[in-house]
C-alpha atoms as a PDB file:
ATOM      1  CA  UNK A   1      75.784  56.355 131.262  1.00  0.00           C
ATOM      2  CA  UNK A   2      79.450  56.209 132.260  1.00  0.00           C
ATOM      3  CA  UNK A   3      80.401  54.739 128.878  1.00  0.00           C
ATOM      4  CA  UNK A   4      78.486  57.451 127.017  1.00  0.00           C
ATOM      5  CA  UNK A   5      80.208  60.226 129.004  1.00  0.00           C
ATOM      6  CA  UNK A   6      83.598  58.634 128.455  1.00  0.00           C
ATOM      7  CA  UNK A   7      82.958  58.361 124.706  1.00  0.00           C
ATOM      8  CA  UNK A   8      81.973  62.047 124.505  1.00  0.00           C
ATOM      9  CA  UNK A   9      85.115  63.110 126.395  1.00  0.00           C
ATOM     10  CA  UNK A  10      87.352  60.988 124.150  1.00  0.00           C
ATOM     11  CA  UNK A  11      85.752  62.350 120.966  1.00  0.00           C
ATOM     12  CA  UNK A  12      85.929  65.943 122.188  1.00  0.00           C
ATOM     13  CA  UNK A  13      89.591  65.534 123.098  1.00  0.00           C
ATOM     14  CA  UNK A  14      90.400  63.954 119.747  1.00  0.00           C
ATOM     15  CA  UNK A  15      88.615  66.701 117.818  1.00  0.00           C
ATOM     16  CA  UNK A  16      90.337  69.555 119.611  1.00  0.00           C
ATOM     17  CA  UNK A  17      93.804  68.046 119.727  1.00  0.00           C
ATOM     18  CA  UNK A  18      94.105  66.944 116.096  1.00  0.00           C
ATOM     19  CA  UNK A  19      94.859  70.266 114.516  1.00  0.00           C
ATOM     20  CA  UNK A  20      97.006  70.310 111.413  1.00  0.00           C
ATOM     21  CA  UNK A  21      99.894  72.586 112.314  1.00  0.00           C
ATOM     22  CA  UNK A  22     101.530  73.812 109.137  1.00  0.00           C
ATOM     23  CA  UNK A  23     104.445  76.203 109.397  1.00  0.00           C
ATOM     24  CA  UNK A  24     105.104  76.214 105.648  1.00  0.00           C
ATOM     25  CA  UNK A  25     103.725  79.059 103.608  1.00  0.00           C
ATOM     26  CA  UNK A  26     103.661  77.047 100.397  1.00  0.00           C
ATOM     27  CA  UNK A  27     102.256  73.693  99.306  1.00  0.00           C
ATOM     28  CA  UNK A  28     103.009  71.870  96.081  1.00  0.00           C
ATOM     29  CA  UNK A  29     100.088  70.912  93.828  1.00  0.00           C
ATOM     30  CA  UNK A  30      99.571  69.932  90.214  1.00  0.00           C
ATOM     31  CA  UNK A  31      97.558  72.467  88.208  1.00  0.00           C
ATOM     32  CA  UNK A  32      95.196  71.848  85.286  1.00  0.00           C
ATOM     33  CA  UNK A  33      98.146  71.979  82.871  1.00  0.00           C
ATOM     34  CA  UNK A  34      99.883  69.146  84.797  1.00  0.00           C
ATOM     35  CA  UNK A  35     102.557  71.542  86.018  1.00  0.00           C
ATOM     36  CA  UNK A  36     103.670  71.302  89.635  1.00  0.00           C
ATOM     37  CA  UNK A  37     102.967  74.621  91.323  1.00  0.00           C
ATOM     38  CA  UNK A  38     103.734  75.832  94.802  1.00  0.00           C
ATOM     39  CA  UNK A  39     100.595  77.132  96.470  1.00  0.00           C
ATOM     40  CA  UNK A  40     101.185  80.257  98.485  1.00  0.00           C
ATOM     41  CA  UNK A  41      99.174  81.180 101.541  1.00  0.00           C
ATOM     42  CA  UNK A  42      99.444  84.839 100.535  1.00  0.00           C
ATOM     43  CA  UNK A  43      96.164  86.236  99.232  1.00  0.00           C
ATOM     44  CA  UNK A  44      97.875  87.743  96.184  1.00  0.00           C
ATOM     45  CA  UNK A  45     101.141  87.042  94.414  1.00  0.00           C
ATOM     46  CA  UNK A  46     102.834  88.246  91.279  1.00  0.00           C
ATOM     47  CA  UNK A  47     103.376  85.832  88.404  1.00  0.00           C
ATOM     48  CA  UNK A  48     106.867  85.005  89.718  1.00  0.00           C
ATOM     49  CA  UNK A  49     105.315  83.694  92.959  1.00  0.00           C
ATOM     50  CA  UNK A  50     106.261  86.640  95.173  1.00  0.00           C
ATOM     51  CA  UNK A  51     103.662  87.441  97.811  1.00  0.00           C
ATOM     52  CA  UNK A  52     102.070  90.872  97.477  1.00  0.00           C
ATOM     53  CA  UNK A  53      99.532  92.689  99.582  1.00  0.00           C
ATOM     54  CA  UNK A  54      97.272  95.605  98.826  1.00  0.00           C
ATOM     55  CA  UNK A  55      98.989  97.402 101.702  1.00  0.00           C
ATOM     56  CA  UNK A  56     102.165  97.322  99.574  1.00  0.00           C
ATOM     57  CA  UNK A  57     100.465 100.017  97.480  1.00  0.00           C
ATOM     58  CA  UNK A  58      99.512 102.346 100.326  1.00  0.00           C
ATOM     59  CA  UNK A  59      99.994 105.899  99.130  1.00  0.00           C
ATOM     60  CA  UNK A  60      98.693 104.979  95.675  1.00  0.00           C
ATOM     61  CA  UNK A  61      95.193 104.679  94.343  1.00  0.00           C
ATOM     62  CA  UNK A  62      94.521 101.059  93.384  1.00  0.00           C
ATOM     63  CA  UNK A  63      92.160  99.636  90.797  1.00  0.00           C
ATOM     64  CA  UNK A  64      91.790  95.909  91.556  1.00  0.00           C
ATOM     65  CA  UNK A  65      89.944  93.924  88.907  1.00  0.00           C
ATOM     66  CA  UNK A  66      88.874  90.320  89.530  1.00  0.00           C
ATOM     67  CA  UNK A  67      88.661  88.417  86.238  1.00  0.00           C
ATOM     68  CA  UNK A  68      89.087  85.002  84.594  1.00  0.00           C
ATOM     69  CA  UNK A  69      90.313  83.744  81.235  1.00  0.00           C
ATOM     70  CA  UNK A  70      86.903  82.187  80.500  1.00  0.00           C
ATOM     71  CA  UNK A  71      84.986  85.411  81.292  1.00  0.00           C
ATOM     72  CA  UNK A  72      83.974  87.171  78.058  1.00  0.00           C
ATOM     73  CA  UNK A  73      82.996  90.506  79.695  1.00  0.00           C
ATOM     74  CA  UNK A  74      86.342  90.486  81.548  1.00  0.00           C
ATOM     75  CA  UNK A  75      88.295  90.110  78.335  1.00  0.00           C
ATOM     76  CA  UNK A  76      86.085  92.565  76.443  1.00  0.00           C
ATOM     77  CA  UNK A  77      86.846  95.374  78.920  1.00  0.00           C
ATOM     78  CA  UNK A  78      90.624  94.858  78.978  1.00  0.00           C
ATOM     79  CA  UNK A  79      91.437  97.097  75.979  1.00  0.00           C
ATOM     80  CA  UNK A  80      89.473  99.918  77.662  1.00  0.00           C
ATOM     81  CA  UNK A  81      91.286  99.165  80.934  1.00  0.00           C
ATOM     82  CA  UNK A  82      94.611  99.560  79.125  1.00  0.00           C
ATOM     83  CA  UNK A  83      93.464 102.925  77.778  1.00  0.00           C
ATOM     84  CA  UNK A  84      92.279 104.054  81.228  1.00  0.00           C
ATOM     85  CA  UNK A  85      95.592 102.930  82.714  1.00  0.00           C
ATOM     86  CA  UNK A  86      97.440 105.082  80.137  1.00  0.00           C
ATOM     87  CA  UNK A  87      95.158 108.080  80.768  1.00  0.00           C
ATOM     88  CA  UNK A  88      95.709 107.826  84.543  1.00  0.00           C
ATOM     89  CA  UNK A  89      99.383 106.867  84.470  1.00  0.00           C
ATOM     90  CA  UNK A  90     100.481 110.208  85.999  1.00  0.00           C
ATOM     91  CA  UNK A  91      97.698 110.266  88.596  1.00  0.00           C
ATOM     92  CA  UNK A  92      99.135 107.872  91.194  1.00  0.00           C
ATOM     93  CA  UNK A  93      97.132 104.818  90.086  1.00  0.00           C
ATOM     94  CA  UNK A  94      98.169 101.180  90.020  1.00  0.00           C
ATOM     95  CA  UNK A  95      96.000  98.729  88.086  1.00  0.00           C
ATOM     96  CA  UNK A  96      95.986  95.083  89.272  1.00  0.00           C
ATOM     97  CA  UNK A  97      94.223  92.201  87.533  1.00  0.00           C
ATOM     98  CA  UNK A  98      93.626  89.270  89.899  1.00  0.00           C
ATOM     99  CA  UNK A  99      92.582  85.803  88.750  1.00  0.00           C
ATOM    100  CA  UNK A 100      92.222  82.646  90.813  1.00  0.00           C
ATOM    101  CA  UNK A 101      93.375  80.538  87.886  1.00  0.00           C
ATOM    102  CA  UNK A 102      96.846  78.978  87.698  1.00  0.00           C
ATOM    103  CA  UNK A 103      99.867  81.160  87.024  1.00  0.00           C
ATOM    104  CA  UNK A 104     100.534  79.085  83.888  1.00  0.00           C
ATOM    105  CA  UNK A 105      97.027  79.813  82.577  1.00  0.00           C
ATOM    106  CA  UNK A 106      97.327  83.540  83.377  1.00  0.00           C
ATOM    107  CA  UNK A 107     100.731  83.757  81.646  1.00  0.00           C
ATOM    108  CA  UNK A 108      99.412  81.889  78.601  1.00  0.00           C
ATOM    109  CA  UNK A 109      96.464  84.316  78.418  1.00  0.00           C
ATOM    110  CA  UNK A 110      98.782  87.324  78.841  1.00  0.00           C
ATOM    111  CA  UNK A 111     101.046  86.162  75.992  1.00  0.00           C
ATOM    112  CA  UNK A 112      98.148  85.333  73.662  1.00  0.00           C
ATOM    113  CA  UNK A 113      96.221  88.548  74.388  1.00  0.00           C
ATOM    114  CA  UNK A 114      99.195  90.880  74.277  1.00  0.00           C
ATOM    115  CA  UNK A 115      97.745  92.990  77.091  1.00  0.00           C
ATOM    116  CA  UNK A 116     100.054  95.387  78.921  1.00  0.00           C
ATOM    117  CA  UNK A 117      98.375  94.868  82.276  1.00  0.00           C
ATOM    118  CA  UNK A 118      99.649  93.935  85.730  1.00  0.00           C
ATOM    119  CA  UNK A 119      98.246  90.410  86.149  1.00  0.00           C
ATOM    120  CA  UNK A 120      98.450  88.795  89.585  1.00  0.00           C
ATOM    121  CA  UNK A 121      97.354  85.485  91.095  1.00  0.00           C
ATOM    122  CA  UNK A 122      94.520  85.530  93.617  1.00  0.00           C
ATOM    123  CA  UNK A 123      94.842  82.643  96.079  1.00  0.00           C
ATOM    124  CA  UNK A 124      91.555  83.229  97.851  1.00  0.00           C
ATOM    125  CA  UNK A 125      87.891  82.566  97.246  1.00  0.00           C
ATOM    126  CA  UNK A 126      85.955  85.186  95.293  1.00  0.00           C
ATOM    127  CA  UNK A 127      82.934  84.840  97.579  1.00  0.00           C
ATOM    128  CA  UNK A 128      85.078  85.800 100.587  1.00  0.00           C
ATOM    129  CA  UNK A 129      85.744  89.120  98.839  1.00  0.00           C
ATOM    130  CA  UNK A 130      82.029  89.634  98.169  1.00  0.00           C
ATOM    131  CA  UNK A 131      82.440  88.751  94.496  1.00  0.00           C
ATOM    132  CA  UNK A 132      79.625  86.658  93.051  1.00  0.00           C
ATOM    133  CA  UNK A 133      80.164  87.422  89.367  1.00  0.00           C
ATOM    134  CA  UNK A 134      83.003  88.564  87.150  1.00  0.00           C
ATOM    135  CA  UNK A 135      84.341  91.047  86.361  1.00  0.00           C
ATOM    136  CA  UNK A 136      84.291  92.884  89.659  1.00  0.00           C
ATOM    137  CA  UNK A 137      86.452  95.944  90.200  1.00  0.00           C
ATOM    138  CA  UNK A 138      87.340  97.600  93.495  1.00  0.00           C
ATOM    139  CA  UNK A 139      88.878 101.053  93.792  1.00  0.00           C
ATOM    140  CA  UNK A 140      90.995 101.921  96.832  1.00  0.00           C
ATOM    141  CA  UNK A 141      92.138 105.392  97.837  1.00  0.00           C
ATOM    142  CA  UNK A 142      95.682 106.301  98.897  1.00  0.00           C
ATOM    143  CA  UNK A 143      94.901 105.269 102.482  1.00  0.00           C
ATOM    144  CA  UNK A 144      93.987 101.756 101.334  1.00  0.00           C
ATOM    145  CA  UNK A 145      90.259 102.214 101.891  1.00  0.00           C
ATOM    146  CA  UNK A 146      87.810 100.763  99.382  1.00  0.00           C
ATOM    147  CA  UNK A 147      85.846 103.716  98.015  1.00  0.00           C
ATOM    148  CA  UNK A 148      84.212 102.402  94.837  1.00  0.00           C
ATOM    149  CA  UNK A 149      83.048  99.112  93.407  1.00  0.00           C
ATOM    150  CA  UNK A 150      81.934  98.261  89.892  1.00  0.00           C
ATOM    151  CA  UNK A 151      80.302  94.947  88.965  1.00  0.00           C
ATOM    152  CA  UNK A 152      80.208  93.836  85.353  1.00  0.00           C
ATOM    153  CA  UNK A 153      82.035  95.051  82.295  1.00  0.00           C
ATOM    154  CA  UNK A 154      82.381  98.784  81.716  1.00  0.00           C
ATOM    155  CA  UNK A 155      83.766 101.211  79.171  1.00  0.00           C
ATOM    156  CA  UNK A 156      86.705 102.141  81.396  1.00  0.00           C
ATOM    157  CA  UNK A 157      88.098 104.836  79.152  1.00  0.00           C
ATOM    158  CA  UNK A 158      84.800 106.757  78.988  1.00  0.00           C
ATOM    159  CA  UNK A 159      84.922 110.347  80.281  1.00  0.00           C
ATOM    160  CA  UNK A 160      82.423 109.486  83.052  1.00  0.00           C
ATOM    161  CA  UNK A 161      84.485 106.617  84.456  1.00  0.00           C
ATOM    162  CA  UNK A 162      87.781 108.521  84.133  1.00  0.00           C
ATOM    163  CA  UNK A 163      86.178 111.429  86.018  1.00  0.00           C
ATOM    164  CA  UNK A 164      85.039 109.059  88.812  1.00  0.00           C
ATOM    165  CA  UNK A 165      88.505 107.560  89.080  1.00  0.00           C
ATOM    166  CA  UNK A 166      90.179 110.971  89.142  1.00  0.00           C
ATOM    167  CA  UNK A 167      87.811 112.086  91.916  1.00  0.00           C
ATOM    168  CA  UNK A 168      88.903 109.279  94.284  1.00  0.00           C
ATOM    169  CA  UNK A 169      90.291 110.797  97.480  1.00  0.00           C
END
């Protein structure tokens, strides 16, 4: 009995004292294109690796679209997203396009597609954001509160969608 108790105490101590303390905010990894990338602990970053947060856009209405280069509906809605972005350009909107793929892959897609969109890197897990399929688009008001959500591809420049986006308070 004594040996069993001692073993439990030793295991419990080992489990609670062996935490990996990491003070760095970046880790180096090799992506699918065999390019060494620094992994940021920030949830979002621009394509230059600078950490960004949705709170950086407080005071603006934000359209945040989760997408991927392999997602056909995501790509199909991008021309309409560009049109919606142009229609709403004077209405205090920022459009962000977040992918969890490598920065190199996002940049390659951006160059090939010729889209004039604000692509960012998402360093999280889609499921943790409540996203189970792509595309998924979240709309935040000027206070930073999520007020709308759209799942699946849409005709973003349609009068109905533009009206919904303009009505965001």
